[in-house]
Amino acid sequence: MLKSVSIDTRLKAMRRLPGDEIVGANLGLKHVMHKVQQMASLDSPVLLLGETGTGKDVIANSIHYSSSRSAGPFAGERRDRRS
């Protein structure tokens, strides 16, 4: 019998994917994924800016889980620019 896995559980697992496992990483996002690898090698914070729904959280997680700090906690912050 197959176990059902909640959507929340699947999303949590997807957020831990390194950059090479993101859909489109070898196609339209190739330039972005190259930048992800560059950022992952740095020992400094990264600020991602963009419109709502563009996947900033996916890229932030990809940077973290592709870095040498991947075993540690992810410290992401969301900022809403609306006033």
Foldseek 3Di string as FASTA:
>chain_A
DDDDDDPVRVVVVLLQDALVPDVCCPHPCVVVSVVLLVLQADPDDDDDDDDPPPCPSSSLSNSCNNHPNVVPDRDDDDDDPDD
